[in-house]
Amino acid sequence: MEPIKLLAQNRKARHDYFLLETFEAGLALLGSEIKSARAGRVQLRQAYVVCRKNELWLRNAHIAQYPMAAARNHDPLRPRKLLLHRREIQQLLRKSSESSLTIIPTKMYLKRGRAKVEIALARGRRRHDKREIIARRESERTMRRHLGRRR
């Protein structure tokens, strides 16, 4: 079993979107970025994936500047290239364009020392969908609470 170290998780994505299918993508980072990421200074909250010239790019992912890099530091919000096989990129683009889905990052982690991003094909939830899920969760919680008292 390979060790996986979770660096960041986009919890809000599960609330705002229906996640349909996930993919694992490599991430091209600069030296100061990987050092900052290993320290866990990453945020994916506002991040999304765009396609330019048949390449996927991670936009708005915030990787804080590395304090020891001084003059050779990076821009925290710079676009970062996602590394996938050409077939995977074509499959993602085909599915996202034909059924109006978006591609969002859900997790960033280290796997065998390499930075990876889990991206997902997602359909946006509407406000009433979110309310329905919250109501269902609350009712399950109250049922568990009542069942616990009877024991």
Protein backbone atom coordinates (compact mmCIF):
# COMPACT_ATOMS: atom_id res chain seq x y z
CA MET A 1 0.00 0.00 0.00
CA GLU A 2 1.38 3.35 -0.99
CA PRO A 3 1.36 6.21 1.53
CA ILE A 4 -0.95 9.09 0.61
CA LYS A 5 -0.70 12.42 2.42
CA LEU A 6 -3.77 14.62 2.04
CA LEU A 7 -2.76 18.25 1.46
CA ALA A 8 -6.13 19.91 0.84
CA GLN A 9 -9.75 18.95 0.38
CA ASN A 10 -12.55 20.89 -1.28
CA ARG A 11 -15.40 20.07 1.11
CA LYS A 12 -17.66 22.72 -0.35
CA ALA A 13 -17.60 20.92 -3.69
CA ARG A 14 -19.69 18.05 -2.31
CA HIS A 15 -22.20 20.60 -1.04
CA ASP A 16 -22.42 22.70 -4.21
CA TYR A 17 -22.17 19.95 -6.86
CA PHE A 18 -23.28 16.42 -7.67
CA LEU A 19 -19.95 14.64 -8.26
CA LEU A 20 -20.44 12.18 -11.10
CA GLU A 21 -16.99 10.79 -11.96
CA THR A 22 -13.50 11.35 -10.54
CA PHE A 23 -10.07 11.29 -12.15
CA GLU A 24 -6.54 11.47 -10.75
CA ALA A 25 -4.27 14.04 -12.39
CA GLY A 26 -0.65 14.93 -11.82
CA LEU A 27 0.22 18.53 -11.10
CA ALA A 28 3.14 20.51 -12.55
CA LEU A 29 4.52 22.63 -9.68
CA LEU A 30 7.53 24.86 -9.13
CA GLY A 31 10.04 24.06 -6.38
CA SER A 32 8.72 26.65 -3.95
CA GLU A 33 5.15 25.46 -4.62
CA ILE A 34 5.81 21.81 -3.80
CA LYS A 35 7.62 22.78 -0.60
CA SER A 36 4.73 24.97 0.47
CA ALA A 37 2.24 22.24 -0.49
CA ARG A 38 4.12 19.65 1.57
CA ALA A 39 3.70 22.01 4.52
CA GLY A 40 -0.07 21.88 3.89
CA ARG A 41 -0.49 25.50 2.81
CA VAL A 42 -2.99 24.81 0.01
CA GLN A 43 -6.61 25.88 -0.55
CA LEU A 44 -8.93 24.53 -3.25
CA ARG A 45 -12.11 26.34 -2.21
CA GLN A 46 -12.40 28.64 -5.26
CA ALA A 47 -10.45 26.44 -7.69
CA TYR A 48 -11.73 25.16 -11.02
CA VAL A 49 -10.36 23.48 -14.15
CA VAL A 50 -10.25 25.05 -17.64
CA CYS A 51 -9.12 23.75 -21.00
CA ARG A 52 -6.73 25.67 -23.25
CA LYS A 53 -5.26 24.12 -26.42
CA ASN A 54 -6.27 20.58 -25.38
CA GLU A 55 -4.54 20.95 -22.00
CA LEU A 56 -6.22 21.14 -18.62
CA TRP A 57 -5.21 23.91 -16.22
CA LEU A 58 -6.01 24.30 -12.54
CA ARG A 59 -7.07 27.90 -11.88
CA ASN A 60 -7.53 29.79 -8.58
CA ALA A 61 -5.94 27.10 -6.42
CA HIS A 62 -4.09 28.97 -3.70
CA ILE A 63 -0.66 27.62 -2.76
CA ALA A 64 0.90 30.02 -0.26
CA GLN A 65 4.35 31.42 -0.89
CA TYR A 66 7.23 29.47 0.65
CA PRO A 67 8.97 31.74 3.20
CA MET A 68 12.46 30.31 2.59
CA ALA A 69 12.32 30.95 -1.19
CA ALA A 70 12.63 34.74 -0.76
CA ALA A 71 13.31 36.17 -4.24
CA ARG A 72 12.47 32.98 -6.19
CA ASN A 73 8.93 32.73 -4.88
CA HIS A 74 5.84 31.99 -6.97
CA ASP A 75 2.51 33.71 -7.53
CA PRO A 76 0.06 31.96 -5.14
CA LEU A 77 -2.82 31.94 -7.65
CA ARG A 78 -0.95 31.16 -10.88
CA PRO A 79 -2.52 28.61 -13.28
CA ARG A 80 -1.02 25.14 -12.92
CA LYS A 81 -0.96 22.49 -15.61
CA LEU A 82 -2.74 19.20 -14.93
CA LEU A 83 -1.00 16.10 -16.23
CA LEU A 84 -3.34 13.51 -17.75
CA HIS A 85 -3.19 11.13 -20.68
CA ARG A 86 -4.52 12.54 -23.93
CA ARG A 87 -7.41 10.04 -23.96
CA GLU A 88 -8.44 11.06 -20.45
CA ILE A 89 -8.39 14.74 -21.41
CA GLN A 90 -10.51 14.07 -24.51
CA GLN A 91 -12.94 11.97 -22.48
CA LEU A 92 -13.29 14.70 -19.85
CA LEU A 93 -13.80 17.43 -22.42
CA ARG A 94 -16.33 15.39 -24.40
CA LYS A 95 -18.41 14.58 -21.32
CA SER A 96 -18.24 18.10 -19.93
CA SER A 97 -19.26 19.78 -23.20
CA GLU A 98 -22.10 17.45 -24.23
CA SER A 99 -23.97 17.50 -20.92
CA SER A 100 -22.96 20.93 -19.56
CA LEU A 101 -20.86 19.60 -16.69
CA THR A 102 -17.98 21.38 -14.99
CA ILE A 103 -14.63 20.01 -13.90
CA ILE A 104 -13.64 20.85 -10.33
CA PRO A 105 -10.81 19.75 -8.04
CA THR A 106 -11.89 17.82 -4.95
CA LYS A 107 -8.57 16.86 -3.28
CA MET A 108 -4.86 17.53 -3.50
CA TYR A 109 -2.49 14.95 -2.08
CA LEU A 110 0.99 13.49 -2.28
CA LYS A 111 1.30 9.99 -3.69
CA ARG A 112 4.79 8.47 -3.76
CA GLY A 113 6.20 11.98 -3.34
CA ARG A 114 4.32 13.38 -6.34
CA ALA A 115 1.60 16.03 -6.15
CA LYS A 116 -1.74 14.73 -7.41
CA VAL A 117 -5.16 16.34 -7.77
CA GLU A 118 -8.44 14.47 -7.77
CA ILE A 119 -10.74 16.19 -10.24
CA ALA A 120 -14.40 15.43 -10.75
CA LEU A 121 -17.00 15.88 -13.42
CA ALA A 122 -19.75 17.71 -11.59
CA ARG A 123 -23.23 19.08 -12.10
CA GLY A 124 -24.18 22.13 -10.07
CA ARG A 125 -26.81 21.73 -7.37
CA ARG A 126 -29.69 24.12 -7.18
CA ARG A 127 -30.71 25.79 -3.95
CA HIS A 128 -33.68 23.48 -3.38
CA ASP A 129 -31.41 20.42 -3.85
CA LYS A 130 -29.12 21.72 -1.12
CA ARG A 131 -32.04 22.39 1.20
CA GLU A 132 -33.42 18.89 0.61
CA ILE A 133 -30.07 17.29 1.47
CA ILE A 134 -29.72 19.37 4.63
CA ALA A 135 -33.27 18.46 5.71
CA ARG A 136 -32.59 14.74 5.09
CA ARG A 137 -29.36 14.90 7.09
CA GLU A 138 -31.13 16.63 9.99
CA SER A 139 -33.95 14.05 10.05
CA GLU A 140 -31.43 11.18 10.05
CA ARG A 141 -29.58 12.84 12.91
CA THR A 142 -32.74 13.21 15.00
CA MET A 143 -33.76 9.59 14.31
CA ARG A 144 -30.33 8.37 15.45
CA ARG A 145 -30.60 10.53 18.55
CA HIS A 146 -34.03 9.08 19.43
CA LEU A 147 -32.91 5.52 18.77
CA GLY A 148 -29.90 6.08 21.03
CA ARG A 149 -32.15 7.13 23.93
CA ARG A 150 -34.25 3.96 23.71
CA ARG A 151 -31.31 1.65 24.21
